[in-house]
């Protein structure tokens, strides 16, 4: 499996198809303490659950070095995501730099619903640099 820190800036990941079922949505809400019934009532997935599960799906195609930290995340919500909808994540390694013994990787992702962006994310992860 390819290691994230071996990829160059500008690397486009292959599109990843995934969906979020009702059980996954409930499990995410339980883990985060979100007790609002509106998601079940409307049949929708919380936007942060969509972003988290998309990042998880992406990380199935690339490995992270031990000691990697998820440093930051920004998320833009464009439209609601229904439970069981088929989504497509298109991700790109937007930036890669080495600072103070750390490889800083910035991943930009668009999560599409029916071909239109529903959620956009920017995640920054920091991994220990390999000794030189």
Protein backbone atom coordinates (compact mmCIF):
# COMPACT_ATOMS: atom_id res chain seq x y z
CA UNK A 1 0.00 0.00 0.00
CA UNK A 2 1.26 3.48 -0.85
CA UNK A 3 2.31 5.68 2.07
CA UNK A 4 0.79 9.17 2.06
CA UNK A 5 4.17 10.83 2.67
CA UNK A 6 5.58 9.20 -0.50
CA UNK A 7 3.06 10.98 -2.74
CA UNK A 8 3.87 14.30 -4.43
CA UNK A 9 1.79 17.44 -4.13
CA UNK A 10 -0.83 17.44 -6.86
CA UNK A 11 -1.46 13.68 -6.64
CA UNK A 12 -5.07 12.87 -7.58
CA UNK A 13 -6.51 9.85 -5.81
CA UNK A 14 -8.82 7.57 -7.77
CA UNK A 15 -12.49 8.40 -7.10
CA UNK A 16 -13.99 6.43 -4.22
CA UNK A 17 -17.65 5.43 -4.11
CA UNK A 18 -19.26 4.93 -0.71
CA UNK A 19 -22.57 5.35 1.10
CA UNK A 20 -23.64 5.98 4.67
CA UNK A 21 -26.41 3.77 6.01
CA UNK A 22 -28.70 4.55 8.93
CA UNK A 23 -26.68 2.42 11.37
CA UNK A 24 -23.43 4.22 10.48
CA UNK A 25 -25.16 7.58 10.86
CA UNK A 26 -26.54 6.60 14.29
CA UNK A 27 -23.14 5.23 15.39
CA UNK A 28 -21.44 8.49 14.40
CA UNK A 29 -24.06 10.52 16.29
CA UNK A 30 -23.74 8.27 19.36
CA UNK A 31 -19.93 8.62 19.31
CA UNK A 32 -20.16 12.41 19.11
CA UNK A 33 -23.02 12.80 21.60
CA UNK A 34 -25.43 14.20 18.99
CA UNK A 35 -28.89 13.31 20.29
CA UNK A 36 -30.92 15.52 17.93
CA UNK A 37 -33.68 13.46 16.31
CA UNK A 38 -33.80 15.62 13.20
CA UNK A 39 -31.40 13.43 11.19
CA UNK A 40 -33.55 10.32 11.67
CA UNK A 41 -36.74 12.30 11.07
CA UNK A 42 -35.42 13.78 7.82
CA UNK A 43 -33.50 10.67 6.71
CA UNK A 44 -30.24 12.63 6.49
CA UNK A 45 -26.62 12.02 7.46
CA UNK A 46 -24.86 14.64 9.61
CA UNK A 47 -22.43 16.57 7.40
CA UNK A 48 -19.44 15.85 9.65
CA UNK A 49 -20.24 12.14 9.45
CA UNK A 50 -20.07 12.38 5.65
CA UNK A 51 -16.68 14.11 5.87
CA UNK A 52 -15.30 11.64 8.43
CA UNK A 53 -16.44 8.56 6.54
CA UNK A 54 -15.09 9.95 3.25
CA UNK A 55 -11.67 10.47 4.87
CA UNK A 56 -11.87 6.95 6.28
CA UNK A 57 -12.66 5.55 2.82
CA UNK A 58 -9.75 7.50 1.34
CA UNK A 59 -7.38 6.15 3.99
CA UNK A 60 -8.22 2.61 2.89
CA UNK A 61 -6.20 3.33 -0.27
CA UNK A 62 -3.15 4.89 1.41
CA UNK A 63 -1.35 4.21 4.67
CA UNK A 64 -0.14 6.68 7.26
CA UNK A 65 3.22 6.44 9.01
CA UNK A 66 3.11 5.70 12.75
CA UNK A 67 2.77 8.90 14.77
CA UNK A 68 0.65 10.71 12.15
CA UNK A 69 -1.61 13.41 13.59
CA UNK A 70 -4.81 14.85 12.14
CA UNK A 71 -3.94 18.52 12.61
CA UNK A 72 -6.97 20.31 11.18
CA UNK A 73 -10.11 19.99 9.11
CA UNK A 74 -12.31 22.50 7.39
CA UNK A 75 -15.63 21.48 5.90
CA UNK A 76 -18.04 23.27 3.60
CA UNK A 77 -21.58 21.94 3.34
CA UNK A 78 -23.41 22.59 0.11
CA UNK A 79 -26.38 20.24 0.26
CA UNK A 80 -27.89 17.61 2.56
CA UNK A 81 -26.94 13.96 2.13
CA UNK A 82 -29.72 11.37 2.44
CA UNK A 83 -29.11 8.08 4.25
CA UNK A 84 -28.04 5.30 1.83
CA UNK A 85 -27.20 7.75 -0.98
CA UNK A 86 -24.27 6.73 -3.16
CA UNK A 87 -21.50 9.30 -2.83
CA UNK A 88 -18.25 9.78 -4.69
CA UNK A 89 -15.15 11.22 -3.04
CA UNK A 90 -12.64 12.94 -5.30
CA UNK A 91 -9.49 13.80 -3.39
CA UNK A 92 -6.20 15.50 -4.17
CA UNK A 93 -2.99 15.98 -2.23
CA UNK A 94 -3.09 19.76 -2.53
CA UNK A 95 0.09 20.52 -0.58
CA UNK A 96 3.04 18.64 0.83
CA UNK A 97 5.91 20.18 2.76
CA UNK A 98 8.50 19.22 5.35
CA UNK A 99 8.79 21.43 8.44
CA UNK A 100 10.61 20.82 11.69
CA UNK A 101 10.90 17.07 11.15
CA UNK A 102 7.27 16.68 10.06
CA UNK A 103 5.73 16.02 6.66
CA UNK A 104 2.67 18.24 6.36
CA UNK A 105 0.07 16.93 3.90
CA UNK A 106 -3.06 18.85 2.91
CA UNK A 107 -5.86 16.82 1.34
CA UNK A 108 -8.68 18.55 -0.54
CA UNK A 109 -11.80 16.49 -1.18
CA UNK A 110 -15.10 17.02 -2.91
CA UNK A 111 -17.85 14.61 -1.96
CA UNK A 112 -20.36 14.38 -4.76
CA UNK A 113 -24.03 13.41 -4.63
CA UNK A 114 -25.54 12.74 -8.06
CA UNK A 115 -22.51 14.39 -9.68
CA UNK A 116 -22.80 17.62 -7.69
CA UNK A 117 -20.65 18.64 -4.73
CA UNK A 118 -22.50 18.11 -1.45
CA UNK A 119 -19.53 18.49 0.93
CA UNK A 120 -16.00 19.87 0.44
CA UNK A 121 -13.22 19.23 2.91
CA UNK A 122 -9.62 20.26 3.54
CA UNK A 123 -7.72 18.05 5.98
CA UNK A 124 -4.19 18.60 7.21
CA UNK A 125 -2.21 15.68 8.57
CA UNK A 126 1.29 15.77 10.01
CA UNK A 127 3.55 12.73 9.84
CA UNK A 128 7.03 12.28 11.31
CA UNK A 129 9.60 12.71 8.53
CA UNK A 130 11.77 9.72 7.77
CA UNK A 131 15.29 10.11 9.14
CA UNK A 132 17.70 11.28 6.46
